[in-house]
Amino acid sequence: MPRDVASRAVKAVCDEGRGVGPGGRSVYLDLTEAAHRLGAGTLRERYGNLFEMYEHLTGDDPLRVAMRVAPAAHYTMGGLWVDYDLMSTIPGLFVIGEANFSDQGANRLGASALMQGLADGYFILPVTLGGYLAGARLVPVAEDGGEARSARAEVRARLAKLLALQGRRTASGFHRALGRVLWDACGIERSRGGLAKAIDEVAALREAFWEDVTIPGGDNELNQELERAGRVADFLELGELMCRDALAREESCGCHFRVEHQTLDGEARRDDGGFAHVAAWRPGVSGRGPERLIEPLEFETMPPSERSYR
């Protein structure tokens, strides 16, 4: 959304009953003044599809009633470093959309996330990815090589394990249950107790998934339920890892807000001395959780500083 509209349109109001954001604050997008200044017709011409989707979902006309802006997963920010070709520091690993850092920043009100995905996918990757593949010396992988045989065996074993389950709950049901746990405990506002509880809840969900999921059909056909179950199994692993990583970060930084680490006026309190590093996780040995690895960061030109949202 253009800055001249967005800067005039946003009103932060207290709504203790909803508890949408840190400290119980909700955020609304009030277009009343913009509609008066620019005209309702102009706004509908610019953002008609956005308004239509919002009205379809909520039943409210956004030009008459302030739009409810709810926190979403991408507001946790982050993003991998990429060069102008969208390639990360790992040769051949390209990162597109909000997974990279290029367009992250203060403008989160309009369709910048969608536009970044479109720009990356339509205009950049078709040129840069093709250029990389044309110039890279890639080591061929034989279909009967040991790595290929091992990968196929692992996939077949996992599919057979999933199809052998004759449970009562669908993969979508487990997906929704996982989403509720992460939304409540690992969203924008987090706490030590909530994250510790969420780790146990996700672990219990994962155990129940591998005992009680049901998957109709077989593996000799297009089976979307089988595909979904495979993704949910991965989500359960990732969900627990997200909670572990959030629990390990004893600070509030960016939109990672830990209730134990805030100033007296509710702002995020960082700990750059303890968390000026890059962290990555690797699977632990059997019977133990994943291991957290860190690499210190050094800031020579511009030191990190606290970010205020007031």
Protein backbone atom coordinates (compact mmCIF):
# COMPACT_ATOMS: atom_id res chain seq x y z
CA MET A 1 0.00 0.00 0.00
CA PRO A 2 1.43 3.44 -0.85
CA ARG A 3 3.03 5.22 2.08
CA ASP A 4 0.72 8.25 1.81
CA VAL A 5 -2.30 6.02 2.41
CA ALA A 6 -0.80 3.57 4.89
CA SER A 7 0.76 6.21 7.10
CA ARG A 8 -2.61 7.89 7.58
CA ALA A 9 -4.71 4.75 7.79
CA VAL A 10 -3.35 2.69 10.65
CA LYS A 11 -4.71 3.03 14.16
CA ALA A 12 -3.45 0.89 17.02
CA VAL A 13 -6.17 0.43 19.61
CA CYS A 14 -6.30 -1.48 22.87
CA ASP A 15 -8.52 -4.53 22.90
CA GLU A 16 -7.70 -6.49 26.02
CA GLY A 17 -10.43 -9.01 25.31
CA ARG A 18 -8.95 -10.22 22.02
CA GLY A 19 -5.32 -10.51 23.07
CA VAL A 20 -4.19 -10.52 19.44
CA GLY A 21 -0.73 -9.06 19.90
CA PRO A 22 1.82 -8.53 22.64
CA GLY A 23 0.22 -6.93 25.66
CA GLY A 24 -3.29 -7.65 24.32
CA ARG A 25 -3.08 -5.01 21.57
CA SER A 26 -5.00 -5.39 18.34
CA VAL A 27 -4.29 -3.49 15.14
CA TYR A 28 -6.90 -2.05 12.79
CA LEU A 29 -6.58 -0.46 9.37
CA ASP A 30 -8.96 2.51 9.25
CA LEU A 31 -9.46 3.80 5.69
CA THR A 32 -12.11 6.40 6.55
CA GLU A 33 -9.84 9.42 6.16
CA ALA A 34 -8.18 8.00 3.03
CA ALA A 35 -11.59 7.35 1.44
CA HIS A 36 -12.65 10.92 2.23
CA ARG A 37 -9.44 12.38 0.84
CA LEU A 38 -8.99 10.19 -2.26
CA GLY A 39 -12.53 8.98 -2.82
CA ALA A 40 -13.99 5.53 -2.22
CA GLY A 41 -14.01 4.86 -5.95
CA THR A 42 -10.28 5.48 -6.23
CA LEU A 43 -9.51 3.11 -3.37
CA ARG A 44 -11.76 0.40 -4.79
CA GLU A 45 -10.08 0.80 -8.17
CA ARG A 46 -6.66 0.37 -6.59
CA TYR A 47 -7.44 -2.37 -4.08
CA GLY A 48 -10.78 -3.78 -5.20
CA ASN A 49 -9.76 -7.44 -5.15
CA LEU A 50 -8.24 -7.07 -1.68
CA PHE A 51 -11.42 -5.41 -0.39
CA GLU A 52 -13.63 -8.06 -1.99
CA MET A 53 -11.68 -10.92 -0.38
CA TYR A 54 -11.79 -9.21 3.00
CA GLU A 55 -15.52 -8.57 2.82
CA HIS A 56 -16.14 -12.15 1.69
CA LEU A 57 -14.20 -13.52 4.69
CA THR A 58 -15.44 -11.13 7.39
CA GLY A 59 -18.76 -9.73 6.15
CA ASP A 60 -17.49 -6.17 6.79
CA ASP A 61 -17.08 -3.42 4.21
CA PRO A 62 -13.49 -2.20 4.77
CA LEU A 63 -14.43 1.32 3.67
CA ARG A 64 -17.08 1.51 6.38
CA VAL A 65 -15.61 -0.62 9.16
CA ALA A 66 -11.92 -0.64 10.18
CA MET A 67 -10.12 -3.71 8.84
CA ARG A 68 -8.92 -6.19 11.44
CA VAL A 69 -5.21 -6.89 10.97
CA ALA A 70 -4.27 -10.16 12.66
CA PRO A 71 -0.70 -11.34 13.28
CA ALA A 72 0.41 -14.04 10.85
CA ALA A 73 3.35 -16.39 10.76
CA HIS A 74 5.45 -14.27 8.43
CA TYR A 75 5.41 -11.44 10.93
CA THR A 76 8.01 -13.39 12.88
CA MET A 77 10.34 -12.08 10.16
CA GLY A 78 13.80 -13.43 9.49
CA GLY A 79 15.08 -14.47 6.09
CA LEU A 80 18.24 -15.91 4.58
CA TRP A 81 20.91 -13.77 2.95
CA VAL A 82 20.89 -13.90 -0.85
CA ASP A 83 22.87 -12.22 -3.61
CA TYR A 84 21.35 -10.41 -6.59
CA ASP A 85 20.70 -13.78 -8.23
CA LEU A 86 18.73 -14.91 -5.13
CA MET A 87 21.36 -17.54 -4.34
CA SER A 88 22.31 -18.10 -0.70
CA THR A 89 25.83 -18.63 0.62
CA ILE A 90 25.40 -22.32 -0.29
CA PRO A 91 26.12 -22.72 -4.03
CA GLY A 92 23.00 -23.90 -5.84
CA LEU A 93 20.61 -23.09 -2.99
CA PHE A 94 18.26 -20.34 -4.18
CA VAL A 95 15.85 -18.67 -1.78
CA ILE A 96 12.70 -16.90 -2.99
CA GLY A 97 9.82 -14.98 -1.50
CA GLU A 98 9.79 -14.04 2.16
CA ALA A 99 12.26 -16.82 2.93
CA ASN A 100 14.97 -14.38 1.85
CA PHE A 101 15.63 -11.04 3.47
CA SER A 102 15.53 -8.73 0.46
CA ASP A 103 12.15 -7.00 0.98
CA GLN A 104 11.69 -7.50 4.71
CA GLY A 105 11.19 -4.33 6.69
CA ALA A 106 8.63 -1.98 8.16
CA ASN A 107 6.15 -2.15 5.27
CA ARG A 108 3.99 -5.16 6.15
CA LEU A 109 0.55 -3.69 5.46
CA GLY A 110 0.05 -4.13 1.73
CA ALA A 111 0.74 -6.98 -0.66
CA SER A 112 4.53 -6.70 -0.51
CA ALA A 113 4.85 -10.38 0.39
CA LEU A 114 2.84 -11.43 -2.64
CA MET A 115 4.70 -9.02 -4.89
CA GLN A 116 8.05 -10.33 -3.70
CA GLY A 117 7.07 -13.89 -4.54
CA LEU A 118 5.83 -12.82 -7.98
CA ALA A 119 8.92 -10.75 -8.72
CA ASP A 120 11.27 -13.50 -7.60
CA GLY A 121 9.44 -16.25 -9.44
CA TYR A 122 8.51 -14.49 -12.67
CA PHE A 123 11.39 -12.11 -13.33
CA ILE A 124 14.53 -13.17 -11.45
CA LEU A 125 14.74 -16.93 -11.09
CA PRO A 126 14.04 -17.78 -14.78
CA VAL A 127 17.24 -15.93 -15.64
CA THR A 128 19.49 -16.50 -12.67
CA LEU A 129 18.66 -20.17 -11.99
CA GLY A 130 19.07 -21.06 -15.65
CA GLY A 131 22.38 -19.23 -15.74
CA TYR A 132 23.62 -21.14 -12.73
CA LEU A 133 22.63 -24.52 -14.17
CA ALA A 134 24.20 -23.66 -17.51
CA GLY A 135 27.53 -22.70 -15.98
CA ALA A 136 27.80 -25.03 -13.00
CA ARG A 137 29.74 -28.26 -13.08
CA LEU A 138 27.33 -30.61 -11.42
CA VAL A 139 28.45 -34.09 -10.47
CA PRO A 140 26.07 -36.61 -12.08
CA VAL A 141 24.24 -38.99 -9.77
CA ALA A 142 23.82 -42.49 -11.12
CA GLU A 143 20.35 -43.97 -10.74
CA ASP A 144 21.87 -47.16 -9.38
CA GLY A 145 24.32 -45.34 -7.12
CA GLY A 146 24.36 -45.95 -3.41
CA GLU A 147 22.87 -42.55 -2.52
CA ALA A 148 19.99 -42.95 -4.98
CA ARG A 149 19.19 -46.48 -3.79
CA SER A 150 19.27 -45.37 -0.18
CA ALA A 151 16.97 -42.40 -0.83
CA ARG A 152 14.44 -44.55 -2.70
CA ALA A 153 14.50 -47.17 0.05
CA GLU A 154 13.86 -44.55 2.73
CA VAL A 155 10.93 -43.07 0.79
CA ARG A 156 9.37 -46.46 0.13
CA ALA A 157 9.74 -47.47 3.78
CA ARG A 158 8.09 -44.25 4.93
CA LEU A 159 5.19 -44.62 2.49
CA ALA A 160 4.67 -48.22 3.52
CA LYS A 161 4.66 -47.23 7.19
CA LEU A 162 2.06 -44.51 6.56
CA LEU A 163 -0.20 -46.75 4.48
CA ALA A 164 -0.01 -49.55 7.05
CA LEU A 165 -1.58 -47.34 9.69
CA GLN A 166 -5.29 -47.95 10.17
CA GLY A 167 -6.14 -45.16 12.55
CA ARG A 168 -9.18 -42.94 13.02
CA ARG A 169 -7.84 -39.39 12.61
CA THR A 170 -7.08 -37.62 9.36
CA ALA A 171 -3.82 -35.89 8.52
CA SER A 172 -5.75 -32.62 8.20
CA GLY A 173 -7.00 -33.05 11.77
CA PHE A 174 -3.46 -33.42 13.06
CA HIS A 175 -2.43 -30.41 10.97
CA ARG A 176 -5.13 -28.25 12.56
CA ALA A 177 -4.21 -29.45 16.05
CA LEU A 178 -0.55 -28.58 15.43
CA GLY A 179 -1.55 -25.17 14.11
CA ARG A 180 -3.50 -24.38 17.27
CA VAL A 181 -0.55 -25.30 19.48
CA LEU A 182 1.90 -23.17 17.49
CA TRP A 183 -0.52 -20.24 17.20
CA ASP A 184 -1.07 -20.16 20.94
CA ALA A 185 2.51 -20.76 22.10
CA CYS A 186 4.93 -19.99 19.26
CA GLY A 187 3.39 -16.99 17.53
CA ILE A 188 4.36 -13.37 17.96
CA GLU A 189 4.05 -13.45 21.77
CA ARG A 190 5.83 -16.30 23.52
CA SER A 191 6.66 -17.34 27.06
CA ARG A 192 9.00 -19.85 28.64
CA GLY A 193 6.15 -21.84 30.17
CA GLY A 194 4.04 -21.81 27.01
CA LEU A 195 6.92 -22.99 24.82
CA ALA A 196 7.93 -25.76 27.21
CA LYS A 197 4.34 -26.98 27.27
CA ALA A 198 4.09 -26.74 23.49
CA ILE A 199 7.17 -28.94 23.01
CA ASP A 200 5.48 -31.69 25.02
CA GLU A 201 2.18 -31.20 23.19
CA VAL A 202 3.79 -31.41 19.75
CA ALA A 203 5.73 -34.51 20.79
CA ALA A 204 2.47 -36.11 21.95
CA LEU A 205 0.79 -35.14 18.67
CA ARG A 206 3.63 -36.69 16.68
CA GLU A 207 3.36 -39.93 18.65
CA ALA A 208 -0.41 -40.00 18.13
CA PHE A 209 0.04 -39.28 14.41
CA TRP A 210 2.19 -42.36 13.88
CA GLU A 211 -0.34 -44.49 15.74
CA ASP A 212 -3.75 -43.13 14.78
CA VAL A 213 -3.62 -41.43 11.38
CA THR A 214 -5.75 -42.86 8.57
CA ILE A 215 -4.86 -42.60 4.88
CA PRO A 216 -7.34 -43.85 2.29
CA GLY A 217 -6.12 -45.20 -1.04
CA GLY A 218 -2.74 -46.57 -2.01
CA ASP A 219 0.60 -45.53 -3.46
CA ASN A 220 -0.03 -46.66 -7.03
CA GLU A 221 -2.26 -43.69 -7.80
CA LEU A 222 -2.42 -39.94 -7.34
CA ASN A 223 -3.09 -39.90 -3.61
CA GLN A 224 -3.33 -36.41 -2.20
CA GLU A 225 -4.11 -37.70 1.29
CA LEU A 226 -0.84 -39.62 1.27
CA GLU A 227 0.99 -36.48 0.12
CA ARG A 228 -0.69 -34.46 2.85
CA ALA A 229 0.22 -37.01 5.52
CA GLY A 230 3.87 -36.86 4.48
CA ARG A 231 3.87 -33.08 4.77
CA VAL A 232 2.14 -33.14 8.17
CA ALA A 233 4.73 -35.63 9.44
CA ASP A 234 7.41 -33.11 8.46
CA PHE A 235 5.43 -30.24 10.01
CA LEU A 236 5.32 -32.08 13.33
CA GLU A 237 9.10 -32.35 13.34
CA LEU A 238 9.51 -28.71 12.30
CA GLY A 239 6.91 -27.47 14.80
CA GLU A 240 8.76 -28.97 17.75
CA LEU A 241 12.06 -27.57 16.46
CA MET A 242 10.52 -24.09 16.16
CA CYS A 243 9.40 -24.26 19.79
CA ARG A 244 12.81 -25.50 20.94
CA ASP A 245 14.57 -22.71 19.08
CA ALA A 246 12.19 -20.07 20.47
CA LEU A 247 12.68 -21.43 23.99
CA ALA A 248 16.46 -21.25 23.62
CA ARG A 249 16.33 -17.55 22.65
CA GLU A 250 16.16 -15.79 26.00
CA GLU A 251 15.48 -12.30 24.60
CA SER A 252 12.95 -10.32 22.61
CA CYS A 253 14.18 -9.31 19.19
CA GLY A 254 12.31 -8.01 16.16
CA CYS A 255 8.89 -9.65 16.26
CA HIS A 256 10.09 -12.48 18.49
CA PHE A 257 8.50 -11.22 21.70
CA ARG A 258 9.24 -13.14 24.89
CA VAL A 259 7.06 -11.88 27.72
CA GLU A 260 9.91 -12.44 30.20
CA HIS A 261 12.12 -10.04 28.28
CA GLN A 262 10.47 -6.64 27.90
CA THR A 263 10.98 -3.12 29.16
CA LEU A 264 8.70 -1.44 31.67
CA ASP A 265 6.69 0.14 28.84
CA GLY A 266 6.26 -3.15 26.99
CA GLU A 267 9.02 -2.82 24.39
CA ALA A 268 11.25 -5.72 23.36
CA ARG A 269 14.42 -6.14 25.44
CA ARG A 270 17.28 -7.56 23.39
CA ASP A 271 20.38 -9.39 24.55
CA ASP A 272 22.97 -8.76 21.85
CA GLY A 273 25.72 -9.95 24.15
CA GLY A 274 24.20 -13.39 24.48
CA PHE A 275 22.52 -13.82 21.11
CA ALA A 276 24.68 -12.11 18.50
CA HIS A 277 25.09 -15.35 16.59
CA VAL A 278 23.60 -17.55 13.90
CA ALA A 279 22.01 -20.73 15.23
CA ALA A 280 21.30 -23.97 13.41
CA TRP A 281 20.04 -27.33 14.60
CA ARG A 282 21.07 -30.84 13.67
CA PRO A 283 19.44 -34.13 14.61
CA GLY A 284 20.62 -35.53 17.91
CA VAL A 285 21.71 -39.08 18.57
CA SER A 286 19.08 -41.71 19.25
CA GLY A 287 17.13 -40.96 22.41
CA ARG A 288 18.21 -37.34 22.61
CA GLY A 289 16.80 -34.12 21.22
CA PRO A 290 18.33 -32.06 18.41
CA GLU A 291 21.61 -30.24 18.98
CA ARG A 292 21.87 -26.46 18.65
CA LEU A 293 24.98 -25.13 16.89
CA ILE A 294 25.96 -21.46 16.94
CA GLU A 295 28.33 -19.26 14.96
CA PRO A 296 29.13 -15.83 16.46
CA LEU A 297 28.39 -12.68 14.44
CA GLU A 298 30.66 -9.65 14.36
CA PHE A 299 29.27 -6.19 13.56
CA GLU A 300 32.01 -3.82 12.41
CA THR A 301 30.22 -1.08 10.45
CA MET A 302 26.88 -0.72 12.23
CA PRO A 303 26.17 -2.22 15.66
CA PRO A 304 22.73 -3.78 16.27
CA SER A 305 20.18 -1.61 18.04
CA GLU A 306 16.74 -2.05 19.54
CA ARG A 307 13.72 -1.59 17.31
CA SER A 308 10.69 0.22 18.66
CA TYR A 309 7.18 -0.26 17.24
CA ARG A 310 5.72 2.75 19.02
